Amino acid sequence: MKMYRKSNFIKLFKIIICFAVIIFDSLFIKIHAQNKLTSNIKITNYSDLNNWAAHPWKKDLSDSISDGIIDRRVNDSSIDVFFIHPTTYLQKEFESWNADVKDLAINEKTDNTAILYQASAFNEQSRLFAPRYQQAHINSFYINPEIAKDYFEIAYNDVKAAFEYYLKNFNNGRPIIIASHSQGTQHAGKLLKAFFDDKTLHKQLVCAYIIGMPIPENYFSNLKPCTNENQTGCFVGWRTYKNGYVPDLIQNEKFKCIVVNPLTWTTDETYTSAQLNKGGILQNFKKIVPKVVDAQVHQNVLWACKPNVFGKFFFTKKNFHIGDINLYYMNIRENVRTRIDSFYKVKIEK
């Protein structure tokens, strides 16, 4: 009798699981189909200034300067930065897999995080352009890649349209810096391939700071990683984790990644002390924290110590992805200046 009941229970459990899978798949397919109908057709209009999170023609949070930084901004800069922000579409409940660029809550989060804490690192000697785009929802990174690629393509098409609008209306042959983080870097990689890699526009590239995503060493045909602080026409990138930690996902990567140390701007695995860290920005944007972390390239990642701040004993995170730029804020800011100077020096010598 007990065996009979157990057998019936197992059969019933299997039936429930099957129905649950069918219902989930039907809902997922419905949302997927709806999203393609509503978002795949329309490209954001970048002649509308409201569709830029940062733009030289308006006051925005990318113009912010932290206390303790000498304001050396050049009002009539001849350098442009095109910044592609990371994922800020994080809602637990959502109707579309791609963000609405008019969504005030998403835009506010973008402005108060990525634009303030990341894009501002590039504002000293540059005009800054950062488009709002139909970014893919954060869950797109955790579903079937064959389905997710449609959502990322929608997002990239916006980024591409924004860059084309920028080139046509604002560039006028000016040198360019591409900067990005996380999902933004996924789109920046495609953008660099389409417009700079083995293309005539490469001669206008000061540097690409494409941070927070893996960059396989053979991803580009002709665009090379930077190997020192002065090199131009190259790219840098890294993913930051606590010293000694490499997540399983990265351990299982079957390719070699380019990782550049943001304290030395080299690709070797030599340990670099926090003494060389000019300062990071953590939760308080107004405060520069000197010597906040060290840096060491380790295989496909960048290792860093716990941030040197009060209460670090209670800091248990091992994934420093959110701080990829913030932890090395001042070094990035200084390096942008160095590479711009180098770019013009090389141009004069030619």
Protein backbone atom coordinates (compact mmCIF):
# COMPACT_ATOMS: atom_id res chain seq x y z
CA MET A 1 0.00 0.00 0.00
CA LYS A 2 2.78 2.42 0.93
CA MET A 3 4.62 1.67 -2.32
CA TYR A 4 1.39 2.28 -4.27
CA ARG A 5 0.84 5.67 -2.60
CA LYS A 6 4.46 6.62 -3.17
CA SER A 7 4.17 5.70 -6.85
CA ASN A 8 1.00 7.79 -7.25
CA PHE A 9 2.62 10.73 -5.47
CA ILE A 10 5.62 10.62 -7.82
CA LYS A 11 3.32 10.51 -10.86
CA LEU A 12 1.28 13.44 -9.55
CA PHE A 13 4.45 15.43 -8.82
CA LYS A 14 5.72 14.84 -12.36
CA ILE A 15 2.38 15.99 -13.82
CA ILE A 16 2.47 19.19 -11.73
CA ILE A 17 6.03 19.92 -12.86
CA CYS A 18 5.08 19.38 -16.51
CA PHE A 19 2.13 21.77 -16.25
CA ALA A 20 4.32 24.36 -14.49
CA VAL A 21 6.92 24.18 -17.26
CA ILE A 22 4.22 24.50 -19.95
CA ILE A 23 2.64 27.50 -18.23
CA PHE A 24 6.02 29.22 -17.68
CA ASP A 25 7.06 28.61 -21.29
CA SER A 26 3.78 29.96 -22.65
CA LEU A 27 4.02 33.10 -20.50
CA PHE A 28 7.68 33.57 -21.47
CA ILE A 29 6.93 33.13 -25.18
CA LYS A 30 4.01 35.57 -24.88
CA ILE A 31 6.20 38.24 -23.26
CA HIS A 32 8.96 37.56 -25.78
CA ALA A 33 6.59 37.88 -28.74
CA GLN A 34 4.99 41.03 -27.32
CA ASN A 35 8.39 42.60 -26.76
CA LYS A 36 9.45 41.97 -30.36
CA LEU A 37 6.24 43.58 -31.61
CA THR A 38 6.52 46.70 -29.46
CA SER A 39 10.26 47.36 -29.25
CA ASN A 40 12.05 45.79 -32.17
CA ILE A 41 10.66 48.25 -34.71
CA LYS A 42 11.28 51.64 -33.14
CA ILE A 43 14.68 53.24 -32.79
CA THR A 44 14.98 56.04 -30.25
CA ASN A 45 15.01 59.56 -31.67
CA TYR A 46 18.34 61.13 -30.72
CA SER A 47 17.51 64.54 -32.08
CA ASP A 48 15.49 64.85 -28.85
CA LEU A 49 17.84 66.10 -26.13
CA ASN A 50 15.74 64.30 -23.52
CA ASN A 51 16.99 61.01 -24.92
CA TRP A 52 20.53 61.77 -23.79
CA ALA A 53 21.52 61.11 -20.18
CA ALA A 54 24.57 63.30 -20.75
CA HIS A 55 25.06 65.90 -23.43
CA PRO A 56 27.19 69.07 -23.79
CA TRP A 57 24.11 71.12 -24.53
CA LYS A 58 22.50 70.54 -21.14
CA LYS A 59 23.44 70.48 -17.47
CA ASP A 60 23.48 66.90 -16.18
CA LEU A 61 25.17 64.78 -13.51
CA SER A 62 28.09 63.88 -15.76
CA ASP A 63 29.27 67.46 -15.13
CA SER A 64 29.69 66.76 -11.41
CA ILE A 65 33.04 67.23 -9.66
CA SER A 66 33.76 65.49 -6.36
CA ASP A 67 35.11 67.54 -3.45
CA GLY A 68 38.88 67.33 -3.31
CA ILE A 69 39.28 67.29 -7.08
CA ILE A 70 40.83 70.35 -8.67
CA ASP A 71 38.38 71.50 -11.33
CA ARG A 72 40.49 71.43 -14.49
CA ARG A 73 37.63 71.00 -16.90
CA VAL A 74 38.17 72.52 -20.31
CA ASN A 75 35.01 74.27 -21.45
CA ASP A 76 35.99 74.24 -25.11
CA SER A 77 37.48 70.76 -25.25
CA SER A 78 38.32 69.27 -28.61
CA ILE A 79 37.86 65.70 -27.32
CA ASP A 80 34.55 63.82 -27.16
CA VAL A 81 33.59 60.92 -24.89
CA PHE A 82 30.81 58.59 -25.95
CA PHE A 83 29.71 56.79 -22.77
CA ILE A 84 27.43 53.73 -22.76
CA HIS A 85 25.95 53.14 -19.32
CA PRO A 86 25.48 49.75 -17.62
CA THR A 87 22.20 48.01 -16.83
CA THR A 88 19.90 50.10 -14.66
CA TYR A 89 16.69 48.30 -15.67
CA LEU A 90 16.45 46.08 -12.58
CA GLN A 91 12.77 45.95 -11.63
CA LYS A 92 11.57 42.60 -10.28
CA GLU A 93 8.24 43.02 -12.05
CA PHE A 94 8.39 44.16 -15.67
CA GLU A 95 6.25 43.96 -18.79
CA SER A 96 8.87 44.42 -21.48
CA TRP A 97 12.36 42.95 -21.74
CA ASN A 98 13.65 46.31 -22.97
CA ALA A 99 13.47 49.58 -21.06
CA ASP A 100 11.37 52.53 -22.11
CA VAL A 101 13.71 55.51 -22.54
CA LYS A 102 10.92 57.72 -21.18
CA ASP A 103 10.63 55.77 -17.91
CA LEU A 104 11.39 58.39 -15.26
CA ALA A 105 12.32 55.90 -12.53
CA ILE A 106 14.86 54.10 -14.73
CA ASN A 107 16.29 57.38 -15.98
CA GLU A 108 16.65 58.71 -12.45
CA LYS A 109 18.51 55.56 -11.43
CA THR A 110 20.77 55.82 -14.49
CA ASP A 111 21.58 59.45 -13.77
CA ASN A 112 22.22 59.03 -10.05
CA THR A 113 24.41 55.97 -10.45
CA ALA A 114 26.14 55.42 -13.78
CA ILE A 115 26.21 59.01 -15.00
CA LEU A 116 27.22 60.53 -11.67
CA TYR A 117 29.65 57.86 -10.42
CA GLN A 118 31.08 56.59 -13.72
CA ALA A 119 30.64 58.98 -16.64
CA SER A 120 31.88 61.91 -14.54
CA ALA A 121 35.33 60.31 -14.41
CA PHE A 122 35.74 61.36 -18.05
CA ASN A 123 34.53 64.97 -17.82
CA GLU A 124 37.79 66.86 -17.28
CA GLN A 125 38.95 67.47 -20.83
CA SER A 126 36.06 66.18 -22.87
CA ARG A 127 32.56 66.81 -24.09
CA LEU A 128 30.43 63.95 -22.81
CA PHE A 129 27.68 62.17 -24.74
CA ALA A 130 25.70 59.36 -23.08
CA PRO A 131 22.53 58.12 -24.78
CA ARG A 132 19.50 56.72 -23.05
CA TYR A 133 18.76 53.46 -24.81
CA GLN A 134 16.32 50.58 -24.72
CA GLN A 135 18.60 48.56 -22.49
CA ALA A 136 17.88 44.89 -21.92
CA HIS A 137 16.52 43.94 -18.50
CA ILE A 138 19.06 42.50 -16.05
CA ASN A 139 17.35 39.08 -16.30
CA SER A 140 18.37 38.93 -19.95
CA PHE A 141 21.80 37.82 -18.74
CA TYR A 142 20.27 34.77 -17.03
CA ILE A 143 17.94 33.30 -19.65
CA ASN A 144 18.45 31.30 -22.83
CA PRO A 145 21.07 33.26 -24.84
CA GLU A 146 19.22 32.51 -28.08
CA ILE A 147 16.20 34.37 -26.74
CA ALA A 148 18.14 37.08 -24.93
CA LYS A 149 20.08 38.05 -28.06
CA ASP A 150 16.95 39.72 -29.47
CA TYR A 151 16.70 41.98 -26.43
CA PHE A 152 20.37 42.89 -26.57
CA GLU A 153 20.04 43.57 -30.29
CA ILE A 154 17.24 46.05 -29.62
CA ALA A 155 19.49 47.79 -27.10
CA TYR A 156 22.49 47.83 -29.43
CA ASN A 157 20.46 49.23 -32.31
CA ASP A 158 19.68 52.25 -30.14
CA VAL A 159 23.33 52.68 -29.14
CA LYS A 160 24.38 52.43 -32.78
CA ALA A 161 21.72 54.97 -33.83
CA ALA A 162 22.88 57.36 -31.09
CA PHE A 163 26.49 57.06 -32.19
CA GLU A 164 25.58 57.61 -35.85
CA TYR A 165 23.57 60.68 -34.87
CA TYR A 166 26.53 61.94 -32.83
CA LEU A 167 28.94 61.38 -35.74
CA LYS A 168 26.69 63.17 -38.22
CA ASN A 169 25.76 66.13 -36.04
CA PHE A 170 28.50 66.72 -33.46
CA ASN A 171 31.79 65.01 -34.19
CA ASN A 172 33.22 67.00 -37.11
CA GLY A 173 36.46 65.00 -37.08
CA ARG A 174 37.12 65.37 -33.34
CA PRO A 175 39.09 62.69 -31.46
CA ILE A 176 36.88 60.19 -29.62
CA ILE A 177 37.02 58.21 -26.39
CA ILE A 178 34.62 55.29 -26.04
CA ALA A 179 33.77 54.49 -22.42
CA SER A 180 31.38 51.89 -21.02
CA HIS A 181 30.56 49.49 -18.24
CA SER A 182 28.80 46.12 -18.01
CA GLN A 183 25.93 45.88 -20.54
CA GLY A 184 27.27 49.10 -21.99
CA THR A 185 30.55 47.33 -22.73
CA GLN A 186 28.73 44.53 -24.52
CA HIS A 187 27.35 47.16 -26.90
CA ALA A 188 30.61 49.12 -27.01
CA GLY A 189 32.45 46.05 -28.27
CA LYS A 190 30.07 45.74 -31.21
CA LEU A 191 30.26 49.48 -31.83
CA LEU A 192 34.07 49.39 -31.91
CA LYS A 193 33.98 46.48 -34.35
CA ALA A 194 31.52 48.25 -36.62
CA PHE A 195 33.09 51.73 -36.64
CA PHE A 196 36.74 51.54 -35.52
CA ASP A 197 38.27 48.07 -35.90
CA ASP A 198 40.17 48.19 -39.19
CA LYS A 199 38.14 51.28 -40.15
CA THR A 200 39.22 54.84 -41.02
CA LEU A 201 37.61 56.16 -37.80
CA HIS A 202 40.29 54.30 -35.85
CA LYS A 203 42.64 57.24 -36.42
CA GLN A 204 40.30 59.40 -34.27
CA LEU A 205 40.25 56.94 -31.37
CA VAL A 206 42.12 58.15 -28.30
CA CYS A 207 41.24 55.09 -26.24
CA ALA A 208 38.33 52.76 -25.44
CA TYR A 209 37.66 52.16 -21.75
CA ILE A 210 35.42 49.10 -22.08
CA ILE A 211 35.05 47.81 -18.55
CA GLY A 212 33.14 45.15 -16.65
CA MET A 213 32.68 42.47 -19.32
CA PRO A 214 35.01 39.81 -20.78
CA ILE A 215 36.99 40.88 -23.84
CA PRO A 216 38.41 37.79 -25.59
CA GLU A 217 41.94 38.40 -26.85
CA ASN A 218 40.88 37.68 -30.44
CA TYR A 219 37.64 39.69 -30.30
CA PHE A 220 38.94 42.50 -32.52
CA SER A 221 40.77 42.15 -35.83
CA ASN A 222 43.12 45.11 -35.58
CA LEU A 223 42.23 47.01 -32.40
CA LYS A 224 44.86 46.20 -29.78
CA PRO A 225 44.84 46.33 -25.97
CA CYS A 226 46.77 49.16 -24.34
CA THR A 227 50.03 47.99 -22.75
CA ASN A 228 51.15 51.27 -21.16
CA GLU A 229 49.66 54.53 -19.88
CA ASN A 230 50.50 56.62 -22.97
CA GLN A 231 49.34 54.38 -25.81
CA THR A 232 46.46 55.58 -27.97
CA GLY A 233 44.14 53.99 -30.48
CA CYS A 234 43.82 51.00 -28.14
CA PHE A 235 41.44 49.64 -25.50
CA VAL A 236 41.49 48.73 -21.80
CA GLY A 237 39.18 46.58 -19.74
CA TRP A 238 38.90 44.57 -16.53
CA ARG A 239 36.49 42.76 -14.20
CA THR A 240 37.18 43.23 -10.49
CA TYR A 241 36.95 40.55 -7.81
CA LYS A 242 38.29 40.09 -4.31
CA ASN A 243 41.85 38.79 -4.03
CA GLY A 244 41.93 35.02 -4.38
CA TYR A 245 38.39 34.70 -5.77
CA VAL A 246 37.37 33.63 -9.26
CA PRO A 247 33.68 32.72 -9.74
CA ASP A 248 32.81 29.37 -11.33
CA LEU A 249 31.41 31.06 -14.43
CA ILE A 250 34.77 32.66 -15.17
CA GLN A 251 36.72 29.54 -14.24
CA ASN A 252 34.75 27.76 -16.96
CA GLU A 253 35.57 30.31 -19.65
CA LYS A 254 37.25 28.65 -22.61
CA PHE A 255 39.02 31.75 -23.86
CA LYS A 256 41.76 34.12 -22.76
CA CYS A 257 40.55 37.61 -21.80
CA ILE A 258 42.31 40.92 -22.06
CA VAL A 259 42.74 42.41 -18.58
CA VAL A 260 44.51 45.72 -18.04
CA ASN A 261 45.67 46.82 -14.58
CA PRO A 262 44.16 50.31 -13.94
CA LEU A 263 46.99 51.27 -11.59
CA THR A 264 49.83 50.54 -14.05
CA TRP A 265 47.94 50.30 -17.37
CA THR A 266 49.82 47.11 -18.24
CA THR A 267 48.60 43.56 -18.84
CA ASP A 268 51.20 41.66 -16.80
CA GLU A 269 50.30 39.91 -13.53
CA THR A 270 52.63 41.89 -11.27
CA TYR A 271 51.02 42.87 -7.96
CA THR A 272 50.40 46.62 -7.59
CA SER A 273 50.09 48.16 -4.14
CA ALA A 274 47.19 50.42 -3.17
CA GLN A 275 49.82 53.12 -2.70
CA LEU A 276 49.46 53.78 -6.43
CA ASN A 277 45.69 54.18 -6.19
CA LYS A 278 45.07 57.95 -6.48
CA GLY A 279 41.58 57.58 -5.06
CA GLY A 280 38.21 55.94 -5.47
CA ILE A 281 34.66 57.15 -4.98
CA LEU A 282 32.38 54.90 -2.96
CA GLN A 283 28.85 55.70 -1.73
CA ASN A 284 29.58 59.35 -0.97
CA PHE A 285 30.32 61.03 -4.29
CA LYS A 286 31.75 64.08 -2.56
CA LYS A 287 34.53 62.10 -0.90
CA ILE A 288 37.69 60.79 -2.56
CA VAL A 289 39.11 57.74 -0.77
CA PRO A 290 42.87 57.48 -1.48
CA LYS A 291 44.62 54.10 -1.63
CA VAL A 292 41.24 52.42 -1.53
CA VAL A 293 42.25 49.12 -3.20
CA ASP A 294 45.26 47.47 -4.79
CA ALA A 295 45.26 45.66 -8.15
CA GLN A 296 46.63 42.52 -9.74
CA VAL A 297 45.78 40.88 -13.04
CA HIS A 298 45.03 37.20 -12.47
CA GLN A 299 44.21 35.23 -15.59
CA ASN A 300 40.83 36.57 -16.83
CA VAL A 301 40.08 38.91 -13.91
CA LEU A 302 41.46 41.77 -11.87
CA TRP A 303 41.99 41.06 -8.19
CA ALA A 304 41.63 43.75 -5.53
CA CYS A 305 41.71 43.77 -1.73
CA LYS A 306 38.75 44.76 0.41
CA PRO A 307 38.26 48.53 0.16
CA ASN A 308 40.39 50.30 2.76
CA VAL A 309 37.53 52.01 4.59
CA PHE A 310 36.13 52.05 8.10
CA GLY A 311 34.24 48.84 8.82
CA LYS A 312 35.86 46.83 6.02
CA PHE A 313 35.84 43.82 8.37
CA PHE A 314 32.09 43.57 7.70
CA PHE A 315 32.51 43.83 3.93
CA THR A 316 31.87 40.29 2.67
CA LYS A 317 31.28 40.76 -1.06
CA LYS A 318 33.70 39.05 -3.41
CA ASN A 319 32.31 40.43 -6.65
CA PHE A 320 33.37 44.08 -7.07
CA HIS A 321 31.64 44.51 -10.43
CA ILE A 322 29.64 47.53 -9.30
CA GLY A 323 32.92 49.27 -8.38
CA ASP A 324 34.93 48.47 -11.52
CA ILE A 325 35.21 52.18 -12.31
CA ASN A 326 34.59 53.76 -8.87
CA LEU A 327 37.46 51.92 -7.15
CA TYR A 328 39.96 53.36 -9.65
CA TYR A 329 38.16 56.65 -10.34
CA MET A 330 41.10 59.04 -9.97
CA ASN A 331 43.54 56.80 -11.86
CA ILE A 332 41.09 56.63 -14.75
CA ARG A 333 40.61 60.40 -14.65
CA GLU A 334 44.37 60.98 -14.71
CA ASN A 335 44.92 58.42 -17.46
CA VAL A 336 42.33 60.05 -19.71
CA ARG A 337 44.34 63.26 -19.46
CA THR A 338 47.61 61.39 -20.18
CA ARG A 339 46.26 59.66 -23.27
CA ILE A 340 44.74 62.86 -24.64
CA ASP A 341 48.12 64.60 -24.29
CA SER A 342 49.81 61.64 -25.95
CA PHE A 343 47.27 61.60 -28.78
CA TYR A 344 47.97 65.23 -29.66
CA LYS A 345 51.73 64.75 -29.28
CA VAL A 346 51.69 61.89 -31.77
CA LYS A 347 49.46 63.89 -34.09
CA ILE A 348 51.88 66.84 -34.04
CA GLU A 349 54.87 64.57 -34.69
CA LYS A 350 53.14 63.09 -37.71
